[in-house]
Amino acid sequence: MSRIEELKRSFSKTVEKEVEEWSIIPPDERPMSFAIVVSMGLIILYFGAHQMLSTGFFTASFGIFEMIMLYGSLFAWIVTAALMLAGLKGPSRDFDAFGGLLFAGVSIAWILVVFPFDFALFADVLPVFLRFLMQWISNEVAWVLMMLSIVVNLCFAIYSLVLRVSVRKAHG
């Protein structure tokens, strides 16, 4: 059997499983969703602290549109996870597949192009004894991590969209 046939069979099994468990939320998804809400909330607070304290982490090129892109992509993760926590598996999957992941990928790409950050100041909102946790992140490291994030987000966006459309077709 060829590798492509194996991938098709695996994808078909995933679609069948999603159709069978249309409204059932797997036990591991609730703790993961909670962790996403908490972690994204903390990230929003961290970036918000940089803005409120004017640490210099955000450069002059960080305008309203960049704020929408940055915070919007983080809120998209919160919305998806909150829907899952509320027991709304279908709307959560739909939001992810039909825009959430794509928006996050496009947002990160835009922010990468503009790159309105100075990562030398990234740790400045932390207490002095904790700054070592973030001081290793340079502009170059952040750029590479953001580039990887774009690739992963866009791959997941395509996969999620194809999977969701297949599941909706099979479900009727």
C-alpha atoms as a PDB file:
ATOM      1  CA  MET A   1       0.000   0.000   0.000  1.00  0.00           C
ATOM      2  CA  SER A   2       1.353   3.421  -0.914  1.00  0.00           C
ATOM      3  CA  ARG A   3       1.938   6.198   1.585  1.00  0.00           C
ATOM      4  CA  ILE A   4      -0.823   8.290  -0.006  1.00  0.00           C
ATOM      5  CA  GLU A   5      -3.346   5.467   0.422  1.00  0.00           C
ATOM      6  CA  GLU A   6      -2.314   5.131   4.069  1.00  0.00           C
ATOM      7  CA  LEU A   7      -2.846   8.855   4.599  1.00  0.00           C
ATOM      8  CA  LYS A   8      -6.267   8.699   2.916  1.00  0.00           C
ATOM      9  CA  ARG A   9      -7.285   5.753   5.080  1.00  0.00           C
ATOM     10  CA  SER A  10      -6.073   7.508   8.225  1.00  0.00           C
ATOM     11  CA  PHE A  11      -7.921  10.693   7.278  1.00  0.00           C
ATOM     12  CA  SER A  12     -11.111   8.710   6.550  1.00  0.00           C
ATOM     13  CA  LYS A  13     -10.899   7.075   9.987  1.00  0.00           C
ATOM     14  CA  THR A  14     -10.497  10.501  11.584  1.00  0.00           C
ATOM     15  CA  VAL A  15     -13.566  11.775   9.721  1.00  0.00           C
ATOM     16  CA  GLU A  16     -15.576   8.697  10.771  1.00  0.00           C
ATOM     17  CA  LYS A  17     -14.533   9.172  14.398  1.00  0.00           C
ATOM     18  CA  GLU A  18     -15.505  12.852  14.328  1.00  0.00           C
ATOM     19  CA  VAL A  19     -18.897  11.986  12.813  1.00  0.00           C
ATOM     20  CA  GLU A  20     -19.536   9.261  15.416  1.00  0.00           C
ATOM     21  CA  GLU A  21     -18.531  11.589  18.235  1.00  0.00           C
ATOM     22  CA  TRP A  22     -20.231  14.654  16.724  1.00  0.00           C
ATOM     23  CA  SER A  23     -21.169  16.231  20.057  1.00  0.00           C
ATOM     24  CA  ILE A  24     -18.972  14.230  22.444  1.00  0.00           C
ATOM     25  CA  ILE A  25     -16.052  16.147  23.867  1.00  0.00           C
ATOM     26  CA  PRO A  26     -13.095  13.835  24.519  1.00  0.00           C
ATOM     27  CA  PRO A  27     -11.981  13.849  28.189  1.00  0.00           C
ATOM     28  CA  ASP A  28      -8.536  15.246  27.366  1.00  0.00           C
ATOM     29  CA  GLU A  29      -9.970  18.297  25.534  1.00  0.00           C
ATOM     30  CA  ARG A  30     -11.480  20.037  28.574  1.00  0.00           C
ATOM     31  CA  PRO A  31      -8.225  20.314  30.567  1.00  0.00           C
ATOM     32  CA  MET A  32      -6.408  21.351  27.381  1.00  0.00           C
ATOM     33  CA  SER A  33      -9.053  23.990  26.659  1.00  0.00           C
ATOM     34  CA  PHE A  34      -8.774  25.310  30.200  1.00  0.00           C
ATOM     35  CA  ALA A  35      -4.981  25.469  29.854  1.00  0.00           C
ATOM     36  CA  ILE A  36      -5.350  27.394  26.587  1.00  0.00           C
ATOM     37  CA  VAL A  37      -7.718  29.940  28.141  1.00  0.00           C
ATOM     38  CA  VAL A  38      -5.404  30.467  31.121  1.00  0.00           C
ATOM     39  CA  SER A  39      -2.173  30.610  29.101  1.00  0.00           C
ATOM     40  CA  MET A  40      -3.572  32.952  26.435  1.00  0.00           C
ATOM     41  CA  GLY A  41      -5.012  35.151  29.194  1.00  0.00           C
ATOM     42  CA  LEU A  42      -1.595  35.331  30.846  1.00  0.00           C
ATOM     43  CA  ILE A  43       0.066  36.175  27.536  1.00  0.00           C
ATOM     44  CA  ILE A  44      -2.468  38.959  26.946  1.00  0.00           C
ATOM     45  CA  LEU A  45      -1.770  40.305  30.444  1.00  0.00           C
ATOM     46  CA  TYR A  46       1.984  40.112  29.827  1.00  0.00           C
ATOM     47  CA  PHE A  47       1.769  42.069  26.576  1.00  0.00           C
ATOM     48  CA  GLY A  48      -0.734  44.437  28.171  1.00  0.00           C
ATOM     49  CA  ALA A  49       1.729  45.132  30.992  1.00  0.00           C
ATOM     50  CA  HIS A  50       4.353  46.048  28.399  1.00  0.00           C
ATOM     51  CA  GLN A  51       1.922  48.509  26.841  1.00  0.00           C
ATOM     52  CA  MET A  52       0.687  50.035  30.086  1.00  0.00           C
ATOM     53  CA  LEU A  53       4.193  50.398  31.521  1.00  0.00           C
ATOM     54  CA  SER A  54       5.663  51.657  28.223  1.00  0.00           C
ATOM     55  CA  THR A  55       8.698  49.415  28.586  1.00  0.00           C
ATOM     56  CA  GLY A  56       9.843  50.003  25.011  1.00  0.00           C
ATOM     57  CA  PHE A  57       9.209  46.374  24.044  1.00  0.00           C
ATOM     58  CA  PHE A  58       6.612  47.566  21.531  1.00  0.00           C
ATOM     59  CA  THR A  59       8.272  49.872  19.023  1.00  0.00           C
ATOM     60  CA  ALA A  60       6.727  52.887  17.287  1.00  0.00           C
ATOM     61  CA  SER A  61       5.516  50.616  14.443  1.00  0.00           C
ATOM     62  CA  PHE A  62       3.112  48.851  16.843  1.00  0.00           C
ATOM     63  CA  GLY A  63      -0.098  50.606  15.822  1.00  0.00           C
ATOM     64  CA  ILE A  64      -3.802  49.898  16.160  1.00  0.00           C
ATOM     65  CA  PHE A  65      -3.821  47.359  13.324  1.00  0.00           C
ATOM     66  CA  GLU A  66      -0.901  45.456  14.863  1.00  0.00           C
ATOM     67  CA  MET A  67      -2.725  45.459  18.217  1.00  0.00           C
ATOM     68  CA  ILE A  68      -5.782  43.962  16.532  1.00  0.00           C
ATOM     69  CA  MET A  69      -3.620  41.321  14.861  1.00  0.00           C
ATOM     70  CA  LEU A  70      -1.695  40.424  18.045  1.00  0.00           C
ATOM     71  CA  TYR A  71      -4.524  40.463  20.566  1.00  0.00           C
ATOM     72  CA  GLY A  72      -7.079  39.178  18.038  1.00  0.00           C
ATOM     73  CA  SER A  73      -5.074  36.041  17.363  1.00  0.00           C
ATOM     74  CA  LEU A  74      -4.748  35.401  21.103  1.00  0.00           C
ATOM     75  CA  PHE A  75      -8.489  35.991  21.640  1.00  0.00           C
ATOM     76  CA  ALA A  76      -9.255  33.583  18.774  1.00  0.00           C
ATOM     77  CA  TRP A  77      -7.554  30.813  20.770  1.00  0.00           C
ATOM     78  CA  ILE A  78      -9.560  31.793  23.852  1.00  0.00           C
ATOM     79  CA  VAL A  79     -12.854  31.735  21.926  1.00  0.00           C
ATOM     80  CA  THR A  80     -12.155  28.271  20.520  1.00  0.00           C
ATOM     81  CA  ALA A  81     -11.186  26.883  23.923  1.00  0.00           C
ATOM     82  CA  ALA A  82     -14.059  28.611  25.743  1.00  0.00           C
ATOM     83  CA  LEU A  83     -16.571  27.132  23.301  1.00  0.00           C
ATOM     84  CA  MET A  84     -15.104  23.698  23.992  1.00  0.00           C
ATOM     85  CA  LEU A  85     -15.314  24.294  27.753  1.00  0.00           C
ATOM     86  CA  ALA A  86     -18.963  25.312  27.318  1.00  0.00           C
ATOM     87  CA  GLY A  87     -19.634  21.949  25.664  1.00  0.00           C
ATOM     88  CA  LEU A  88     -20.025  23.437  22.193  1.00  0.00           C
ATOM     89  CA  LYS A  89     -17.735  21.142  20.241  1.00  0.00           C
ATOM     90  CA  GLY A  90     -19.273  21.864  16.840  1.00  0.00           C
ATOM     91  CA  PRO A  91     -19.065  25.668  17.038  1.00  0.00           C
ATOM     92  CA  SER A  92     -15.553  25.389  18.474  1.00  0.00           C
ATOM     93  CA  ARG A  93     -14.404  23.201  15.598  1.00  0.00           C
ATOM     94  CA  ASP A  94     -16.208  25.453  13.084  1.00  0.00           C
ATOM     95  CA  PHE A  95     -14.600  28.599  14.471  1.00  0.00           C
ATOM     96  CA  ASP A  96     -11.200  26.952  14.309  1.00  0.00           C
ATOM     97  CA  ALA A  97     -11.657  25.541  10.834  1.00  0.00           C
ATOM     98  CA  PHE A  98     -13.426  28.460   9.202  1.00  0.00           C
ATOM     99  CA  GLY A  99     -11.245  31.268  10.367  1.00  0.00           C
ATOM    100  CA  GLY A 100      -9.609  31.048  13.764  1.00  0.00           C
ATOM    101  CA  LEU A 101      -6.446  29.275  12.668  1.00  0.00           C
ATOM    102  CA  LEU A 102      -6.220  31.173   9.392  1.00  0.00           C
ATOM    103  CA  PHE A 103      -6.653  34.500  11.217  1.00  0.00           C
ATOM    104  CA  ALA A 104      -3.927  33.526  13.673  1.00  0.00           C
ATOM    105  CA  GLY A 105      -1.562  32.553  10.857  1.00  0.00           C
ATOM    106  CA  VAL A 106      -2.216  35.739   8.884  1.00  0.00           C
ATOM    107  CA  SER A 107      -1.912  37.840  12.044  1.00  0.00           C
ATOM    108  CA  ILE A 108       1.428  36.364  12.969  1.00  0.00           C
ATOM    109  CA  ALA A 109       2.621  36.791   9.378  1.00  0.00           C
ATOM    110  CA  TRP A 110       1.655  40.469   9.418  1.00  0.00           C
ATOM    111  CA  ILE A 111       3.328  41.018  12.769  1.00  0.00           C
ATOM    112  CA  LEU A 112       6.414  39.225  11.481  1.00  0.00           C
ATOM    113  CA  VAL A 113       6.596  41.560   8.486  1.00  0.00           C
ATOM    114  CA  VAL A 114       6.164  44.695  10.625  1.00  0.00           C
ATOM    115  CA  PHE A 115       8.040  43.206  13.624  1.00  0.00           C
ATOM    116  CA  PRO A 116       7.111  45.959  16.096  1.00  0.00           C
ATOM    117  CA  PHE A 117       9.128  44.509  18.984  1.00  0.00           C
ATOM    118  CA  ASP A 118      12.405  44.984  20.786  1.00  0.00           C
ATOM    119  CA  PHE A 119      12.986  41.637  22.485  1.00  0.00           C
ATOM    120  CA  ALA A 120      15.946  43.014  24.435  1.00  0.00           C
ATOM    121  CA  LEU A 121      13.206  44.510  26.652  1.00  0.00           C
ATOM    122  CA  PHE A 122      10.878  41.485  26.688  1.00  0.00           C
ATOM    123  CA  ALA A 123      11.707  40.467  30.270  1.00  0.00           C
ATOM    124  CA  ASP A 124      11.388  43.984  31.701  1.00  0.00           C
ATOM    125  CA  VAL A 125       7.893  43.515  33.178  1.00  0.00           C
ATOM    126  CA  LEU A 126       9.025  40.537  35.252  1.00  0.00           C
ATOM    127  CA  PRO A 127      10.522  40.820  38.729  1.00  0.00           C
ATOM    128  CA  VAL A 128      14.332  40.949  38.527  1.00  0.00           C
ATOM    129  CA  PHE A 129      14.785  37.424  39.909  1.00  0.00           C
ATOM    130  CA  LEU A 130      12.586  35.961  37.099  1.00  0.00           C
ATOM    131  CA  ARG A 131      13.959  37.895  34.139  1.00  0.00           C
ATOM    132  CA  PHE A 132      16.422  35.144  33.218  1.00  0.00           C
ATOM    133  CA  LEU A 133      13.407  33.093  32.073  1.00  0.00           C
ATOM    134  CA  MET A 134      12.824  35.457  29.137  1.00  0.00           C
ATOM    135  CA  GLN A 135      16.169  37.162  28.562  1.00  0.00           C
ATOM    136  CA  TRP A 136      17.389  34.443  26.208  1.00  0.00           C
ATOM    137  CA  ILE A 137      14.777  35.481  23.611  1.00  0.00           C
ATOM    138  CA  SER A 138      16.453  37.791  21.119  1.00  0.00           C
ATOM    139  CA  ASN A 139      14.814  39.429  18.098  1.00  0.00           C
ATOM    140  CA  GLU A 140      16.311  36.676  15.941  1.00  0.00           C
ATOM    141  CA  VAL A 141      15.016  33.849  18.131  1.00  0.00           C
ATOM    142  CA  ALA A 142      11.571  35.466  18.254  1.00  0.00           C
ATOM    143  CA  TRP A 143      11.583  35.865  14.472  1.00  0.00           C
ATOM    144  CA  VAL A 144      12.375  32.172  13.954  1.00  0.00           C
ATOM    145  CA  LEU A 145       9.717  31.105  16.484  1.00  0.00           C
ATOM    146  CA  MET A 146       7.144  33.328  14.789  1.00  0.00           C
ATOM    147  CA  MET A 147       8.070  31.920  11.367  1.00  0.00           C
ATOM    148  CA  LEU A 148       7.597  28.374  12.679  1.00  0.00           C
ATOM    149  CA  SER A 149       4.306  29.444  14.210  1.00  0.00           C
ATOM    150  CA  ILE A 150       3.088  30.727  10.845  1.00  0.00           C
ATOM    151  CA  VAL A 151       3.917  27.446   9.125  1.00  0.00           C
ATOM    152  CA  VAL A 152       2.277  25.358  11.868  1.00  0.00           C
ATOM    153  CA  ASN A 153      -0.828  27.592  12.027  1.00  0.00           C
ATOM    154  CA  LEU A 154      -1.357  27.547   8.290  1.00  0.00           C
ATOM    155  CA  CYS A 155      -0.844  23.758   8.082  1.00  0.00           C
ATOM    156  CA  PHE A 156      -3.361  23.245  10.882  1.00  0.00           C
ATOM    157  CA  ALA A 157      -5.730  25.739   9.246  1.00  0.00           C
ATOM    158  CA  ILE A 158      -5.721  23.793   5.975  1.00  0.00           C
ATOM    159  CA  TYR A 159      -6.017  20.424   7.720  1.00  0.00           C
ATOM    160  CA  SER A 160      -8.803  21.653  10.030  1.00  0.00           C
ATOM    161  CA  LEU A 161     -10.745  23.172   7.160  1.00  0.00           C
ATOM    162  CA  VAL A 162     -10.528  20.030   5.020  1.00  0.00           C
ATOM    163  CA  LEU A 163     -11.399  17.839   8.016  1.00  0.00           C
ATOM    164  CA  ARG A 164     -14.338  20.016   9.069  1.00  0.00           C
ATOM    165  CA  VAL A 165     -15.775  20.164   5.549  1.00  0.00           C
ATOM    166  CA  SER A 166     -15.404  16.362   5.242  1.00  0.00           C
ATOM    167  CA  VAL A 167     -17.055  15.807   8.617  1.00  0.00           C
ATOM    168  CA  ARG A 168     -19.956  18.138   7.767  1.00  0.00           C
ATOM    169  CA  LYS A 169     -20.476  16.336   4.424  1.00  0.00           C
ATOM    170  CA  ALA A 170     -20.432  12.924   6.118  1.00  0.00           C
ATOM    171  CA  HIS A 171     -22.683  14.075   8.969  1.00  0.00           C
ATOM    172  CA  GLY A 172     -25.285  15.461   6.636  1.00  0.00           C
END
